[in-house]
Protein backbone atom coordinates (compact mmCIF):
# COMPACT_ATOMS: atom_id res chain seq x y z
CA UNK A 1 0.00 0.00 0.00
CA UNK A 2 1.34 3.44 -0.98
CA UNK A 3 1.57 5.39 2.28
CA UNK A 4 2.47 8.55 0.38
CA UNK A 5 -1.06 8.68 -1.04
CA UNK A 6 -2.55 9.32 2.40
CA UNK A 7 0.28 11.65 3.39
CA UNK A 8 -0.82 14.12 0.71
CA UNK A 9 -3.92 14.79 2.82
CA UNK A 10 -1.79 15.46 5.92
CA UNK A 11 -0.05 18.45 4.37
CA UNK A 12 -2.92 20.70 5.42
CA UNK A 13 -4.51 18.82 8.31
CA UNK A 14 -3.40 16.62 11.20
CA UNK A 15 -6.49 14.53 12.05
CA UNK A 16 -7.29 12.56 8.89
CA UNK A 17 -10.00 9.97 9.56
CA UNK A 18 -10.44 6.85 7.44
CA UNK A 19 -13.94 5.34 7.28
CA UNK A 20 -15.20 2.03 5.93
CA UNK A 21 -18.00 -0.47 6.51
CA UNK A 22 -18.69 -4.19 6.53
CA UNK A 23 -21.95 -6.02 5.99
CA UNK A 24 -23.95 -4.25 3.31
CA UNK A 25 -24.74 -7.44 1.39
CA UNK A 26 -25.66 -10.13 3.97
CA UNK A 27 -29.20 -11.36 4.60
CA UNK A 28 -28.72 -11.16 8.38
CA UNK A 29 -26.95 -9.19 11.05
CA UNK A 30 -25.89 -5.55 11.33
CA UNK A 31 -23.97 -3.26 9.04
CA UNK A 32 -20.86 -2.11 10.90
CA UNK A 33 -18.73 0.98 10.25
CA UNK A 34 -15.37 1.96 11.70
CA UNK A 35 -13.44 5.22 11.81
CA UNK A 36 -9.68 5.44 12.43
CA UNK A 37 -7.25 8.35 12.93
CA UNK A 38 -3.52 7.62 12.97
CA UNK A 39 -0.90 10.04 14.29
CA UNK A 40 0.20 12.53 11.65
CA UNK A 41 2.79 11.16 9.20
CA UNK A 42 2.34 7.64 10.56
CA UNK A 43 3.57 4.82 8.31
CA UNK A 44 2.36 1.23 8.81
CA UNK A 45 5.67 -0.31 7.82
CA UNK A 46 6.65 -2.37 10.86
CA UNK A 47 5.42 -5.69 12.21
CA UNK A 48 2.01 -6.98 11.30
CA UNK A 49 0.85 -3.52 10.19
CA UNK A 50 3.07 -3.84 7.12
CA UNK A 51 0.43 -6.30 5.83
CA UNK A 52 -2.41 -3.77 6.17
CA UNK A 53 -4.72 -3.84 3.14
CA UNK A 54 -8.37 -4.04 2.16
CA UNK A 55 -9.87 -6.49 4.66
CA UNK A 56 -11.42 -8.54 1.84
CA UNK A 57 -7.91 -9.39 0.59
CA UNK A 58 -6.75 -10.65 4.00
CA UNK A 59 -7.28 -13.97 5.73
CA UNK A 60 -9.45 -14.09 8.84
CA UNK A 61 -6.37 -15.02 10.87
CA UNK A 62 -4.42 -11.98 9.63
CA UNK A 63 -7.38 -9.65 10.24
CA UNK A 64 -7.56 -10.86 13.84
CA UNK A 65 -3.86 -10.08 14.28
CA UNK A 66 -4.18 -6.69 12.63
CA UNK A 67 -7.17 -5.44 14.63
CA UNK A 68 -5.38 -5.04 18.02
CA UNK A 69 -2.26 -3.68 16.28
CA UNK A 70 -4.40 -1.03 14.56
CA UNK A 71 -6.03 -0.06 17.86
CA UNK A 72 -2.63 0.24 19.55
CA UNK A 73 -1.11 2.34 16.77
CA UNK A 74 -4.10 4.61 16.11
CA UNK A 75 -4.49 8.01 17.68
CA UNK A 76 -8.13 7.03 18.16
CA UNK A 77 -10.76 4.78 16.62
CA UNK A 78 -14.47 3.96 16.93
CA UNK A 79 -16.92 1.37 15.64
CA UNK A 80 -20.70 1.49 15.29
CA UNK A 81 -23.26 -1.16 14.32
CA UNK A 82 -26.76 -0.59 12.94
CA UNK A 83 -29.00 -3.62 13.34
CA UNK A 84 -31.38 -5.39 10.95
CA UNK A 85 -34.53 -3.74 12.30
CA UNK A 86 -33.16 -0.28 11.50
CA UNK A 87 -31.87 -1.52 8.15
CA UNK A 88 -35.41 -2.69 7.32
CA UNK A 89 -36.84 0.66 8.38
CA UNK A 90 -34.50 2.97 6.49
CA UNK A 91 -32.83 0.77 3.79
CA UNK A 92 -29.24 -0.45 3.72
CA UNK A 93 -27.70 2.68 2.19
CA UNK A 94 -29.12 5.02 4.82
CA UNK A 95 -28.29 2.55 7.58
CA UNK A 96 -24.70 2.39 6.34
CA UNK A 97 -24.46 6.18 6.32
CA UNK A 98 -25.86 6.24 9.85
CA UNK A 99 -23.28 3.74 11.08
CA UNK A 100 -20.46 5.71 9.46
CA UNK A 101 -21.62 9.00 10.96
CA UNK A 102 -22.14 7.40 14.37
CA UNK A 103 -18.58 6.05 14.29
CA UNK A 104 -17.24 9.52 13.50
CA UNK A 105 -19.34 11.08 16.24
CA UNK A 106 -17.97 8.56 18.75
CA UNK A 107 -14.34 9.50 18.06
CA UNK A 108 -12.66 11.01 21.16
CA UNK A 109 -10.72 13.41 18.92
CA UNK A 110 -12.38 15.67 16.36
CA UNK A 111 -11.56 14.66 12.75
CA UNK A 112 -10.53 17.47 10.44
CA UNK A 113 -11.01 15.49 7.22
CA UNK A 114 -12.96 12.31 6.49
CA UNK A 115 -11.70 9.88 3.84
CA UNK A 116 -14.59 7.56 2.99
CA UNK A 117 -14.37 4.35 1.01
CA UNK A 118 -16.64 4.35 -2.04
CA UNK A 119 -18.28 7.05 -4.13
CA UNK A 120 -21.16 8.19 -1.91
CA UNK A 121 -21.43 9.68 1.55
CA UNK A 122 -24.07 11.65 3.43
CA UNK A 123 -22.45 13.56 6.29
CA UNK A 124 -24.42 14.39 9.41
CA UNK A 125 -21.56 16.35 10.95
CA UNK A 126 -19.90 19.57 9.70
CA UNK A 127 -16.62 17.88 8.75
CA UNK A 128 -15.06 18.09 5.25
CA UNK A 129 -14.93 14.75 3.48
CA UNK A 130 -13.68 13.07 0.35
CA UNK A 131 -14.93 9.79 -1.10
CA UNK A 132 -12.30 7.48 -2.61
CA UNK A 133 -13.27 4.57 -4.85
CA UNK A 134 -11.37 1.47 -3.72
CA UNK A 135 -10.05 3.56 -0.88
CA UNK A 136 -9.50 0.46 1.24
CA UNK A 137 -6.72 -0.49 -1.20
CA UNK A 138 -5.23 3.03 -1.44
CA UNK A 139 -5.50 4.70 1.98
CA UNK A 140 -4.16 2.87 5.02
CA UNK A 141 -6.52 4.58 7.48
CA UNK A 142 -9.46 3.36 5.35
CA UNK A 143 -7.89 -0.10 5.16
CA UNK A 144 -7.54 -0.06 8.94
CA UNK A 145 -11.20 0.94 9.28
CA UNK A 146 -12.18 -1.92 6.96
CA UNK A 147 -10.34 -4.40 9.19
CA UNK A 148 -11.91 -3.08 12.40
CA UNK A 149 -15.40 -3.08 10.86
CA UNK A 150 -14.98 -6.61 9.49
CA UNK A 151 -13.56 -8.14 12.68
CA UNK A 152 -16.22 -6.46 14.82
CA UNK A 153 -19.01 -7.70 12.57
CA UNK A 154 -17.58 -11.22 12.41
CA UNK A 155 -17.52 -11.35 16.23
CA UNK A 156 -21.17 -10.28 16.34
CA UNK A 157 -22.17 -12.94 13.83
CA UNK A 158 -20.28 -15.63 15.76
CA UNK A 159 -22.33 -14.69 18.82
CA UNK A 160 -25.50 -14.98 16.73
CA UNK A 161 -24.24 -18.41 15.68
CA UNK A 162 -24.36 -19.51 19.31
CA UNK A 163 -27.87 -18.11 19.79
CA UNK A 164 -29.24 -19.46 16.49
CA UNK A 165 -27.09 -22.53 15.71
CA UNK A 166 -29.43 -23.80 13.00
CA UNK A 167 -28.31 -21.05 10.60
CA UNK A 168 -24.51 -21.40 10.70
CA UNK A 169 -23.87 -17.66 11.09
CA UNK A 170 -20.37 -18.38 12.42
CA UNK A 171 -19.45 -19.84 9.02
CA UNK A 172 -21.10 -17.60 6.42
CA UNK A 173 -21.63 -14.47 8.59
CA UNK A 174 -25.08 -13.90 7.13
CA UNK A 175 -24.12 -13.86 3.47
CA UNK A 176 -26.41 -15.67 0.98
CA UNK A 177 -24.50 -18.94 0.72
CA UNK A 178 -26.21 -22.17 -0.24
CA UNK A 179 -26.05 -23.36 3.37
CA UNK A 180 -27.68 -20.17 4.60
CA UNK A 181 -30.45 -20.20 2.02
CA UNK A 182 -31.26 -23.84 2.80
CA UNK A 183 -31.44 -22.99 6.51
CA UNK A 184 -33.91 -20.16 5.82
CA UNK A 185 -36.00 -22.53 3.69
CA UNK A 186 -36.21 -25.00 6.59
CA UNK A 187 -36.37 -22.71 9.63
CA UNK A 188 -37.67 -19.42 8.26
CA UNK A 189 -36.04 -16.16 9.28
CA UNK A 190 -34.54 -15.49 12.70
CA UNK A 191 -34.93 -12.23 14.65
CA UNK A 192 -31.55 -11.08 13.28
CA UNK A 193 -32.48 -11.52 9.61
CA UNK A 194 -33.16 -8.51 7.40
CA UNK A 195 -36.77 -8.93 6.33
CA UNK A 196 -36.41 -6.30 3.60
CA UNK A 197 -33.75 -8.38 1.84
CA UNK A 198 -35.41 -10.85 -0.53
CA UNK A 199 -34.00 -14.28 -1.38
CA UNK A 200 -34.57 -14.88 -5.08
CA UNK A 201 -33.58 -18.52 -4.73
CA UNK A 202 -36.63 -19.00 -2.50
CA UNK A 203 -38.95 -17.22 -4.90
CA UNK A 204 -39.13 -14.01 -2.89
CA UNK A 205 -39.78 -10.84 -4.85
């Protein structure tokens, strides 16, 4: 990852905040967003942080090693989860924006610039922002946020797996795998499923 890319934003500000989410696509569970600020001019070049990248490119084992290292190295960080009931009420895009804004609002230090993965953002706070397509592969604070969001969401889904063992949440994390769809066909939806998300394989429209 090119650390110089993010450093261009630090020329005029010191608290650059990376933001990313996990869990837009699953049929169950929350959408989770994370926000991370590293110390100015920080470079993730030592130890496990040298492997920092888009969480989707990393193994689960490496993500679990990275998460505490990110928290230790960051100036501050925050995570927020918006559950399936709220997702059903306001749709997944608005729920994702809510989670992102909540994570920013929970930061103990005030961000001066938000770098948001993707091409759309709806700020609820008066903080300048810039969206960056594939930002989790370009900006290490966004990559760090992607890892924190993913590991937090995975932990939540593993807990749901204990509560609702018939669905296998600890294996597919709510995504529409064959195993998951078969479980819905047999058992119906659990309280943590998103009722607004339709399963075409089951004839839902």
